[in-house]
Amino acid sequence: MKNFSELEKVIGFKFKNADLLHQANVHRSYLNEHPEFELGHNERLEFLGDAVLEIVVTEFLFKNYPDTPEGELTNWRASLVNTKMLSIVAQELKLDDFIHLSKGEAKDKNSKARSYILANAVEAIIGAIYLDKGIKEATKFINKRMILKLDDILDQKLYWDPKSKFQEMAQEKYKITPHYKVIKEDGPDHDKEFEIGLYLGDELIVKGIGKSKQEAQINAADNGNKKKGW
C-alpha cells in the first residue's frame, strides 16, 4: 500500500477523507487489473478539478490584470493550466511514486502518455482538495503550485500560443493560412491518442500527437515552428 501521508505532507495539509486523495491517484487501467479495488478511478475527480482550476486561474487573472485584453489573458491562462504545466506540478509532487497504474502503463515511464496521466492526476487532486477542504484550500494549492509560476511565464514569453505563432508567420512568409487534418486516431474512447498533420496548402509540414485534437494541433504547431526556425 502506498503511503499517502507522505503526499499529504508535500501538498501541505491532511485530508479529512484520505480516500479522496487516494482515489485521485487511481488510473482507470489499474482497475482493469484489480476489479476488487475498493475505490473508483480518478476521472470524475479530474473532471471536477479541471473546472476548479479554470475558475481559480481565471478569477486571479481577471482581478490582478484589469488592463490586459481578453486574448492575452486567455493565452496566459492556457500556459498555467495546460498539460505541460500540470506535468511539471506532478513531478514536483513526485506523483510517480503514488499513482496506481496497470503493469503495462507502469512500465511506460517516460512517454507522453505517462505525462498526460500524471497531469490528469493533478487535476484530480485539485478536485479532491475542493471536495475535502473547499475552494479556499484548493485556491491555496493552485496559487502555490501554478499561479506562482506566472512571473517566469511572462518574463520568458512562454504563454505564446504555438498555433497563433505558426499562423502569423505562415501568413507573413507564404500568404497562406495553415490548416490541420486528423491523420490517425488510436485507443478506446476514454484514452484516445490523435495524430494530426499541419499543412500549408496541400503540403504536409509536420505531424503532432496528443490526447485530444487540440493538444495534437498544438504539438504539430510547435513542431512546425521548430522546423521552420520560427
C-alpha atoms as a PDB file:
ATOM      1  CA  MET A   1       0.000   0.000   0.000  1.00  0.00           C
ATOM      2  CA  LYS A   2       1.342   3.426  -0.922  1.00  0.00           C
ATOM      3  CA  ASN A   3       1.864   5.879   1.934  1.00  0.00           C
ATOM      4  CA  PHE A   4      -0.358   8.822   1.084  1.00  0.00           C
ATOM      5  CA  SER A   5       0.542  10.629   4.320  1.00  0.00           C
ATOM      6  CA  GLU A   6       3.814  11.491   2.537  1.00  0.00           C
ATOM      7  CA  LEU A   7       1.869  13.072  -0.307  1.00  0.00           C
ATOM      8  CA  GLU A   8      -0.251  14.991   2.210  1.00  0.00           C
ATOM      9  CA  LYS A   9       2.971  16.498   3.607  1.00  0.00           C
ATOM     10  CA  VAL A  10       4.043  17.638   0.149  1.00  0.00           C
ATOM     11  CA  ILE A  11       0.602  19.109  -0.583  1.00  0.00           C
ATOM     12  CA  GLY A  12       0.602  20.848   2.796  1.00  0.00           C
ATOM     13  CA  PHE A  13      -2.425  19.609   4.695  1.00  0.00           C
ATOM     14  CA  LYS A  14      -4.129  16.468   5.996  1.00  0.00           C
ATOM     15  CA  PHE A  15      -7.295  15.228   4.323  1.00  0.00           C
ATOM     16  CA  LYS A  16     -10.375  14.584   6.423  1.00  0.00           C
ATOM     17  CA  ASN A  17     -11.284  11.874   3.887  1.00  0.00           C
ATOM     18  CA  ALA A  18      -7.984  10.274   2.867  1.00  0.00           C
ATOM     19  CA  ASP A  19      -9.806   8.107   0.306  1.00  0.00           C
ATOM     20  CA  LEU A  20     -10.297  11.200  -1.882  1.00  0.00           C
ATOM     21  CA  LEU A  21      -6.539  11.726  -2.216  1.00  0.00           C
ATOM     22  CA  HIS A  22      -6.043   8.008  -2.778  1.00  0.00           C
ATOM     23  CA  GLN A  23      -8.705   7.858  -5.477  1.00  0.00           C
ATOM     24  CA  ALA A  24      -7.232  10.921  -7.202  1.00  0.00           C
ATOM     25  CA  ASN A  25      -4.197   8.743  -7.920  1.00  0.00           C
ATOM     26  CA  VAL A  26      -6.019   5.739  -9.388  1.00  0.00           C
ATOM     27  CA  HIS A  27      -5.836   5.444 -13.180  1.00  0.00           C
ATOM     28  CA  ARG A  28      -8.585   3.516 -14.970  1.00  0.00           C
ATOM     29  CA  SER A  29      -6.059   0.924 -16.185  1.00  0.00           C
ATOM     30  CA  TYR A  30      -5.345  -0.168 -12.600  1.00  0.00           C
ATOM     31  CA  LEU A  31      -8.972  -1.138 -12.035  1.00  0.00           C
ATOM     32  CA  ASN A  32      -8.941  -3.288 -15.173  1.00  0.00           C
ATOM     33  CA  GLU A  33      -6.370  -5.497 -13.422  1.00  0.00           C
ATOM     34  CA  HIS A  34      -7.755  -5.036  -9.885  1.00  0.00           C
ATOM     35  CA  PRO A  35     -11.559  -5.099 -10.130  1.00  0.00           C
ATOM     36  CA  GLU A  36     -11.761  -5.830  -6.396  1.00  0.00           C
ATOM     37  CA  PHE A  37     -10.090  -2.489  -5.542  1.00  0.00           C
ATOM     38  CA  GLU A  38     -12.214  -0.585  -3.025  1.00  0.00           C
ATOM     39  CA  LEU A  39     -12.058   2.808  -4.742  1.00  0.00           C
ATOM     40  CA  GLY A  40     -13.005   4.029  -8.214  1.00  0.00           C
ATOM     41  CA  HIS A  41     -10.702   5.627 -10.781  1.00  0.00           C
ATOM     42  CA  ASN A  42      -9.916   9.345 -10.798  1.00  0.00           C
ATOM     43  CA  GLU A  43     -11.754  10.573 -13.900  1.00  0.00           C
ATOM     44  CA  ARG A  44     -14.700  12.190 -12.087  1.00  0.00           C
ATOM     45  CA  LEU A  45     -12.342  13.959  -9.681  1.00  0.00           C
ATOM     46  CA  GLU A  46     -10.283  15.085 -12.695  1.00  0.00           C
ATOM     47  CA  PHE A  47     -13.452  16.499 -14.295  1.00  0.00           C
ATOM     48  CA  LEU A  48     -14.191  18.493 -11.141  1.00  0.00           C
ATOM     49  CA  GLY A  49     -10.589  19.602 -10.634  1.00  0.00           C
ATOM     50  CA  ASP A  50     -10.324  20.868 -14.196  1.00  0.00           C
ATOM     51  CA  ALA A  51     -13.285  23.193 -13.595  1.00  0.00           C
ATOM     52  CA  VAL A  52     -11.946  24.393 -10.229  1.00  0.00           C
ATOM     53  CA  LEU A  53      -8.506  25.087 -11.726  1.00  0.00           C
ATOM     54  CA  GLU A  54     -10.030  27.026 -14.624  1.00  0.00           C
ATOM     55  CA  ILE A  55     -12.172  29.309 -12.439  1.00  0.00           C
ATOM     56  CA  VAL A  56      -9.421  29.972  -9.861  1.00  0.00           C
ATOM     57  CA  VAL A  57      -6.858  30.931 -12.509  1.00  0.00           C
ATOM     58  CA  THR A  58      -9.414  32.946 -14.491  1.00  0.00           C
ATOM     59  CA  GLU A  59     -10.512  34.911 -11.405  1.00  0.00           C
ATOM     60  CA  PHE A  60      -6.896  35.606 -10.433  1.00  0.00           C
ATOM     61  CA  LEU A  61      -6.027  36.956 -13.879  1.00  0.00           C
ATOM     62  CA  PHE A  62      -9.259  38.956 -14.123  1.00  0.00           C
ATOM     63  CA  LYS A  63      -8.700  40.679 -10.758  1.00  0.00           C
ATOM     64  CA  ASN A  64      -4.943  41.228 -10.987  1.00  0.00           C
ATOM     65  CA  TYR A  65      -4.595  42.334 -14.615  1.00  0.00           C
ATOM     66  CA  PRO A  66      -7.536  44.723 -15.173  1.00  0.00           C
ATOM     67  CA  ASP A  67      -5.945  46.428 -18.185  1.00  0.00           C
ATOM     68  CA  THR A  68      -4.889  43.271 -20.065  1.00  0.00           C
ATOM     69  CA  PRO A  69      -7.008  42.328 -23.122  1.00  0.00           C
ATOM     70  CA  GLU A  70      -9.057  39.140 -23.057  1.00  0.00           C
ATOM     71  CA  GLY A  71      -6.970  37.483 -25.761  1.00  0.00           C
ATOM     72  CA  GLU A  72      -3.750  37.851 -23.778  1.00  0.00           C
ATOM     73  CA  LEU A  73      -5.403  36.653 -20.579  1.00  0.00           C
ATOM     74  CA  THR A  74      -6.618  33.584 -22.464  1.00  0.00           C
ATOM     75  CA  ASN A  75      -3.050  32.762 -23.522  1.00  0.00           C
ATOM     76  CA  TRP A  76      -1.731  33.341 -20.014  1.00  0.00           C
ATOM     77  CA  ARG A  77      -4.414  31.109 -18.552  1.00  0.00           C
ATOM     78  CA  ALA A  78      -3.645  28.365 -21.071  1.00  0.00           C
ATOM     79  CA  SER A  79       0.011  28.449 -20.050  1.00  0.00           C
ATOM     80  CA  LEU A  80      -0.985  27.915 -16.405  1.00  0.00           C
ATOM     81  CA  VAL A  81      -3.471  25.075 -16.896  1.00  0.00           C
ATOM     82  CA  ASN A  82      -2.047  23.113 -19.842  1.00  0.00           C
ATOM     83  CA  THR A  83      -0.704  19.569 -19.753  1.00  0.00           C
ATOM     84  CA  LYS A  84       2.899  20.758 -19.687  1.00  0.00           C
ATOM     85  CA  MET A  85       2.342  22.839 -16.545  1.00  0.00           C
ATOM     86  CA  LEU A  86       0.327  20.088 -14.872  1.00  0.00           C
ATOM     87  CA  SER A  87       3.105  17.605 -15.671  1.00  0.00           C
ATOM     88  CA  ILE A  88       5.652  19.902 -14.018  1.00  0.00           C
ATOM     89  CA  VAL A  89       3.462  20.059 -10.903  1.00  0.00           C
ATOM     90  CA  ALA A  90       3.139  16.253 -10.969  1.00  0.00           C
ATOM     91  CA  GLN A  91       6.939  15.982 -10.962  1.00  0.00           C
ATOM     92  CA  GLU A  92       7.191  18.427  -8.043  1.00  0.00           C
ATOM     93  CA  LEU A  93       4.675  16.331  -6.107  1.00  0.00           C
ATOM     94  CA  LYS A  94       6.501  13.100  -7.110  1.00  0.00           C
ATOM     95  CA  LEU A  95       3.175  11.601  -8.218  1.00  0.00           C
ATOM     96  CA  ASP A  96       5.004   8.790  -9.996  1.00  0.00           C
ATOM     97  CA  ASP A  97       5.556   7.356  -6.502  1.00  0.00           C
ATOM     98  CA  PHE A  98       1.821   7.353  -5.751  1.00  0.00           C
ATOM     99  CA  ILE A  99      -0.110   6.751  -8.977  1.00  0.00           C
ATOM    100  CA  HIS A 100      -1.888   3.388  -9.341  1.00  0.00           C
ATOM    101  CA  LEU A 101      -1.396   2.018 -12.856  1.00  0.00           C
ATOM    102  CA  SER A 102      -1.721  -1.249 -14.731  1.00  0.00           C
ATOM    103  CA  LYS A 103       1.512  -3.213 -15.157  1.00  0.00           C
ATOM    104  CA  GLY A 104       1.674  -2.128 -18.801  1.00  0.00           C
ATOM    105  CA  GLU A 105       1.216   1.565 -18.019  1.00  0.00           C
ATOM    106  CA  ALA A 106       3.668   1.344 -15.103  1.00  0.00           C
ATOM    107  CA  LYS A 107       6.466   0.193 -17.435  1.00  0.00           C
ATOM    108  CA  ASP A 108       5.991   3.142 -19.787  1.00  0.00           C
ATOM    109  CA  LYS A 109       7.711   5.700 -17.563  1.00  0.00           C
ATOM    110  CA  ASN A 110       8.946   8.427 -19.893  1.00  0.00           C
ATOM    111  CA  SER A 111       6.210   8.564 -22.513  1.00  0.00           C
ATOM    112  CA  LYS A 112       3.821  11.391 -23.355  1.00  0.00           C
ATOM    113  CA  ALA A 113       1.026   9.089 -22.223  1.00  0.00           C
ATOM    114  CA  ARG A 114       2.542   8.933 -18.717  1.00  0.00           C
ATOM    115  CA  SER A 115       2.882  12.739 -18.616  1.00  0.00           C
ATOM    116  CA  TYR A 116      -0.769  13.009 -19.590  1.00  0.00           C
ATOM    117  CA  ILE A 117      -1.834  10.510 -16.893  1.00  0.00           C
ATOM    118  CA  LEU A 118       0.111  12.400 -14.225  1.00  0.00           C
ATOM    119  CA  ALA A 119      -1.242  15.757 -15.424  1.00  0.00           C
ATOM    120  CA  ASN A 120      -4.778  14.388 -15.091  1.00  0.00           C
ATOM    121  CA  ALA A 121      -3.939  13.171 -11.586  1.00  0.00           C
ATOM    122  CA  VAL A 122      -3.003  16.733 -10.596  1.00  0.00           C
ATOM    123  CA  GLU A 123      -6.439  17.902 -11.732  1.00  0.00           C
ATOM    124  CA  ALA A 124      -7.981  15.016  -9.770  1.00  0.00           C
ATOM    125  CA  ILE A 125      -6.040  16.092  -6.664  1.00  0.00           C
ATOM    126  CA  ILE A 126      -7.424  19.611  -7.080  1.00  0.00           C
ATOM    127  CA  GLY A 127     -10.901  18.077  -7.247  1.00  0.00           C
ATOM    128  CA  ALA A 128     -10.166  16.025  -4.121  1.00  0.00           C
ATOM    129  CA  ILE A 129      -8.922  19.103  -2.228  1.00  0.00           C
ATOM    130  CA  TYR A 130     -12.047  21.010  -3.255  1.00  0.00           C
ATOM    131  CA  LEU A 131     -14.355  18.262  -2.004  1.00  0.00           C
ATOM    132  CA  ASP A 132     -12.428  17.756   1.235  1.00  0.00           C
ATOM    133  CA  LYS A 133     -11.434  21.314   2.134  1.00  0.00           C
ATOM    134  CA  GLY A 134     -13.414  23.640  -0.122  1.00  0.00           C
ATOM    135  CA  ILE A 135     -12.489  26.356  -2.587  1.00  0.00           C
ATOM    136  CA  LYS A 136     -10.219  28.241  -0.144  1.00  0.00           C
ATOM    137  CA  GLU A 137      -7.734  25.374   0.225  1.00  0.00           C
ATOM    138  CA  ALA A 138      -7.999  24.453  -3.465  1.00  0.00           C
ATOM    139  CA  THR A 139      -7.112  28.061  -4.289  1.00  0.00           C
ATOM    140  CA  LYS A 140      -4.110  27.948  -1.936  1.00  0.00           C
ATOM    141  CA  PHE A 141      -2.827  24.835  -3.695  1.00  0.00           C
ATOM    142  CA  ILE A 142      -3.315  26.350  -7.169  1.00  0.00           C
ATOM    143  CA  ASN A 143      -1.656  29.613  -6.105  1.00  0.00           C
ATOM    144  CA  LYS A 144       1.360  27.790  -4.677  1.00  0.00           C
ATOM    145  CA  ARG A 145       1.808  25.248  -7.448  1.00  0.00           C
ATOM    146  CA  MET A 146       0.751  27.100 -10.610  1.00  0.00           C
ATOM    147  CA  ILE A 147      -0.024  30.803 -10.318  1.00  0.00           C
ATOM    148  CA  LEU A 148       3.314  31.370  -8.587  1.00  0.00           C
ATOM    149  CA  LYS A 149       4.957  30.439 -11.899  1.00  0.00           C
ATOM    150  CA  LEU A 150       3.208  33.212 -13.850  1.00  0.00           C
ATOM    151  CA  ASP A 151       6.044  35.739 -13.482  1.00  0.00           C
ATOM    152  CA  ASP A 152       8.502  33.353 -15.145  1.00  0.00           C
ATOM    153  CA  ILE A 153       5.977  32.567 -17.873  1.00  0.00           C
ATOM    154  CA  LEU A 154       5.539  36.270 -18.639  1.00  0.00           C
ATOM    155  CA  ASP A 155       9.275  37.046 -18.428  1.00  0.00           C
ATOM    156  CA  GLN A 156      10.137  34.257 -20.879  1.00  0.00           C
ATOM    157  CA  LYS A 157       7.010  34.745 -23.026  1.00  0.00           C
ATOM    158  CA  LEU A 158       6.118  31.074 -22.537  1.00  0.00           C
ATOM    159  CA  TYR A 159       2.457  31.989 -22.948  1.00  0.00           C
ATOM    160  CA  TRP A 160       2.859  32.495 -26.716  1.00  0.00           C
ATOM    161  CA  ASP A 161       0.462  30.083 -28.372  1.00  0.00           C
ATOM    162  CA  PRO A 162       2.318  27.894 -30.954  1.00  0.00           C
ATOM    163  CA  LYS A 163      -0.728  27.789 -33.261  1.00  0.00           C
ATOM    164  CA  SER A 164      -1.067  31.570 -33.343  1.00  0.00           C
ATOM    165  CA  LYS A 165       2.661  31.967 -33.918  1.00  0.00           C
ATOM    166  CA  PHE A 166       2.727  29.461 -36.801  1.00  0.00           C
ATOM    167  CA  GLN A 167      -0.332  31.033 -38.419  1.00  0.00           C
ATOM    168  CA  GLU A 168       1.066  34.551 -38.123  1.00  0.00           C
ATOM    169  CA  MET A 169       4.429  33.557 -39.595  1.00  0.00           C
ATOM    170  CA  ALA A 170       2.894  31.418 -42.369  1.00  0.00           C
ATOM    171  CA  GLN A 171       0.664  34.282 -43.464  1.00  0.00           C
ATOM    172  CA  GLU A 172       3.591  36.711 -43.344  1.00  0.00           C
ATOM    173  CA  LYS A 173       6.062  34.449 -45.201  1.00  0.00           C
ATOM    174  CA  TYR A 174       3.815  32.498 -47.578  1.00  0.00           C
ATOM    175  CA  LYS A 175       0.473  34.358 -47.605  1.00  0.00           C
ATOM    176  CA  ILE A 176      -1.161  31.038 -46.668  1.00  0.00           C
ATOM    177  CA  THR A 177      -3.349  30.174 -43.687  1.00  0.00           C
ATOM    178  CA  PRO A 178      -2.271  26.795 -42.253  1.00  0.00           C
ATOM    179  CA  HIS A 179      -4.799  24.061 -41.580  1.00  0.00           C
ATOM    180  CA  TYR A 180      -4.891  20.799 -39.646  1.00  0.00           C
ATOM    181  CA  LYS A 181      -6.146  17.319 -40.528  1.00  0.00           C
ATOM    182  CA  VAL A 182      -6.591  14.236 -38.379  1.00  0.00           C
ATOM    183  CA  ILE A 183      -4.299  11.546 -39.781  1.00  0.00           C
ATOM    184  CA  LYS A 184      -4.940   8.803 -37.270  1.00  0.00           C
ATOM    185  CA  GLU A 185      -6.861   8.004 -34.068  1.00  0.00           C
ATOM    186  CA  ASP A 186      -5.822   5.213 -31.717  1.00  0.00           C
ATOM    187  CA  GLY A 187      -7.144   3.824 -28.454  1.00  0.00           C
ATOM    188  CA  PRO A 188     -10.508   3.463 -26.696  1.00  0.00           C
ATOM    189  CA  ASP A 189     -12.839   6.443 -26.232  1.00  0.00           C
ATOM    190  CA  HIS A 190     -11.604   7.200 -22.695  1.00  0.00           C
ATOM    191  CA  ASP A 191      -7.921   7.102 -23.670  1.00  0.00           C
ATOM    192  CA  LYS A 192      -7.558   8.182 -27.307  1.00  0.00           C
ATOM    193  CA  GLU A 193      -4.406   9.434 -28.995  1.00  0.00           C
ATOM    194  CA  PHE A 194      -4.649  11.645 -32.074  1.00  0.00           C
ATOM    195  CA  GLU A 195      -2.084  12.174 -34.814  1.00  0.00           C
ATOM    196  CA  ILE A 196      -2.697  15.408 -36.693  1.00  0.00           C
ATOM    197  CA  GLY A 197      -0.984  16.873 -39.748  1.00  0.00           C
ATOM    198  CA  LEU A 198      -0.163  20.556 -40.147  1.00  0.00           C
ATOM    199  CA  TYR A 199      -0.497  21.693 -43.766  1.00  0.00           C
ATOM    200  CA  LEU A 200       0.341  24.724 -45.831  1.00  0.00           C
ATOM    201  CA  GLY A 201      -1.908  24.320 -48.844  1.00  0.00           C
ATOM    202  CA  ASP A 202      -1.562  20.660 -49.872  1.00  0.00           C
ATOM    203  CA  GLU A 203       1.909  20.296 -48.338  1.00  0.00           C
ATOM    204  CA  LEU A 204       2.230  18.351 -45.078  1.00  0.00           C
ATOM    205  CA  ILE A 205       4.742  20.289 -42.992  1.00  0.00           C
ATOM    206  CA  VAL A 206       4.849  18.237 -39.771  1.00  0.00           C
ATOM    207  CA  LYS A 207       2.753  15.943 -37.608  1.00  0.00           C
ATOM    208  CA  GLY A 208       1.747  16.237 -33.972  1.00  0.00           C
ATOM    209  CA  ILE A 209       0.295  13.860 -31.412  1.00  0.00           C
ATOM    210  CA  GLY A 210      -1.847  14.378 -28.328  1.00  0.00           C
ATOM    211  CA  LYS A 211      -4.610  13.006 -26.159  1.00  0.00           C
ATOM    212  CA  SER A 212      -7.053  15.470 -27.714  1.00  0.00           C
ATOM    213  CA  LYS A 213      -7.285  17.073 -31.137  1.00  0.00           C
ATOM    214  CA  GLN A 214      -6.426  20.448 -29.630  1.00  0.00           C
ATOM    215  CA  GLU A 215      -3.345  19.061 -27.882  1.00  0.00           C
ATOM    216  CA  ALA A 216      -2.214  17.337 -31.091  1.00  0.00           C
ATOM    217  CA  GLN A 217      -2.667  20.565 -33.078  1.00  0.00           C
ATOM    218  CA  ILE A 218      -0.573  22.495 -30.543  1.00  0.00           C
ATOM    219  CA  ASN A 219       2.113  19.807 -30.705  1.00  0.00           C
ATOM    220  CA  ALA A 220       2.081  19.977 -34.517  1.00  0.00           C
ATOM    221  CA  ALA A 221       2.313  23.783 -34.479  1.00  0.00           C
ATOM    222  CA  ASP A 222       5.182  23.641 -32.001  1.00  0.00           C
ATOM    223  CA  ASN A 223       6.973  21.129 -34.242  1.00  0.00           C
ATOM    224  CA  GLY A 224       6.249  23.338 -37.259  1.00  0.00           C
ATOM    225  CA  ASN A 225       7.724  26.429 -35.590  1.00  0.00           C
ATOM    226  CA  LYS A 226      10.869  24.464 -34.738  1.00  0.00           C
ATOM    227  CA  LYS A 227      11.174  23.052 -38.253  1.00  0.00           C
ATOM    228  CA  LYS A 228      10.778  26.489 -39.849  1.00  0.00           C
ATOM    229  CA  GLY A 229      13.065  28.147 -37.320  1.00  0.00           C
ATOM    230  CA  TRP A 230      10.273  30.465 -36.118  1.00  0.00           C
END
